[in-house]
Amino acid sequence: MKKLLKESQEEEYRLVKIYHIKYNPPVDENPEDLEQRADDNEETVKKRLAVYNEQTAPVLDFYKNKNKVYSVDGAKTGRNYKRYN
């Protein structure tokens, strides 16, 4: 995957390649040219999952209890909705 990032207000762009350590590792890149986001680590993912479980999941349960949540299989066509009771 490639994307363009705006580098400055002068509308200059540079080509940026995006890699995944396991599924799309860099092959012919100079290691000094590679950057990794500061929050791209196991600790951050664990914190985000904890926040989800504490703050978002209860909202889903609230609406399930009110019979307002539907399950949609995106791989199927048509209106194959399953209402949670």
Protein backbone atom coordinates (compact mmCIF):
# COMPACT_ATOMS: atom_id res chain seq x y z
CA MET A 1 0.00 0.00 0.00
CA LYS A 2 1.27 3.44 -0.80
CA LYS A 3 -0.05 6.81 0.25
CA LEU A 4 0.97 10.41 -0.16
CA LEU A 5 1.65 12.53 2.89
CA LYS A 6 1.66 16.29 2.84
CA GLU A 7 5.09 17.36 3.99
CA SER A 8 4.72 21.14 4.22
CA GLN A 9 2.44 24.09 3.48
CA GLU A 10 4.06 24.48 0.09
CA GLU A 11 1.97 21.52 -1.07
CA GLU A 12 4.98 19.26 -1.37
CA TYR A 13 4.22 15.56 -1.14
CA ARG A 14 6.43 12.58 -0.63
CA LEU A 15 5.66 8.96 -1.40
CA VAL A 16 5.28 6.88 1.73
CA LYS A 17 5.18 3.10 1.74
CA ILE A 18 3.32 1.32 4.50
CA TYR A 19 4.59 -2.01 5.85
CA HIS A 20 3.45 -4.62 8.32
CA ILE A 21 6.15 -6.47 10.22
CA LYS A 22 4.49 -9.86 9.70
CA TYR A 23 2.26 -9.57 6.61
CA ASN A 24 4.05 -7.00 4.45
CA PRO A 25 7.64 -6.60 5.69
CA PRO A 26 10.05 -4.23 3.97
CA VAL A 27 12.41 -6.11 1.70
CA ASP A 28 14.59 -3.66 -0.19
CA GLU A 29 14.45 -0.69 2.18
CA ASN A 30 17.27 0.96 4.06
CA PRO A 31 16.47 0.38 7.77
CA GLU A 32 17.55 3.96 8.54
CA ASP A 33 14.74 5.25 6.30
CA LEU A 34 12.02 3.34 8.13
CA GLU A 35 9.85 4.93 10.81
CA GLN A 36 7.40 3.39 13.27
CA ARG A 37 4.62 5.25 15.04
CA ALA A 38 5.36 5.81 18.71
CA ASP A 39 2.01 4.30 19.70
CA ASP A 40 2.41 1.20 17.49
CA ASN A 41 3.13 -1.25 20.28
CA GLU A 42 1.57 -3.97 22.43
CA GLU A 43 1.06 -1.72 25.46
CA THR A 44 -1.03 0.78 23.48
CA VAL A 45 -3.20 -1.98 22.01
CA LYS A 46 -3.84 -3.39 25.48
CA LYS A 47 -4.85 0.07 26.74
CA ARG A 48 -7.20 0.60 23.80
CA LEU A 49 -8.84 -2.78 24.37
CA ALA A 50 -9.27 -1.99 28.06
CA VAL A 51 -10.95 1.33 27.21
CA TYR A 52 -13.22 -0.48 24.74
CA ASN A 53 -14.22 -3.07 27.33
CA GLU A 54 -14.83 -0.42 30.00
CA GLN A 55 -16.57 2.26 27.91
CA THR A 56 -17.85 0.92 24.60
CA ALA A 57 -18.95 -2.65 25.29
CA PRO A 58 -21.44 -1.55 27.99
CA VAL A 59 -23.15 0.70 25.44
CA LEU A 60 -23.61 -2.27 23.12
CA ASP A 61 -25.06 -4.34 25.98
CA PHE A 62 -27.42 -1.48 26.87
CA TYR A 63 -28.91 -1.45 23.37
CA LYS A 64 -28.98 -5.25 23.12
CA ASN A 65 -31.13 -5.30 26.26
CA LYS A 66 -33.51 -2.84 24.55
CA ASN A 67 -33.70 -5.13 21.51
CA LYS A 68 -32.13 -2.42 19.31
CA VAL A 69 -29.07 -4.29 18.00
CA TYR A 70 -28.95 -6.26 14.78
CA SER A 71 -26.23 -8.55 13.51
CA VAL A 72 -25.43 -8.18 9.81
CA ASP A 73 -23.34 -10.69 7.89
CA GLY A 74 -21.50 -8.44 5.43
CA ALA A 75 -20.48 -11.43 3.30
CA LYS A 76 -24.11 -12.21 2.42
CA THR A 77 -26.41 -10.27 0.14
CA GLY A 78 -29.91 -9.17 0.96
CA ARG A 79 -31.36 -8.42 4.35
CA ASN A 80 -30.04 -11.20 6.55
CA TYR A 81 -30.38 -9.44 9.89
CA LYS A 82 -30.42 -11.24 13.19
CA ARG A 83 -31.98 -9.36 16.07
CA TYR A 84 -30.43 -9.93 19.47
CA ASN A 85 -33.07 -10.78 22.08
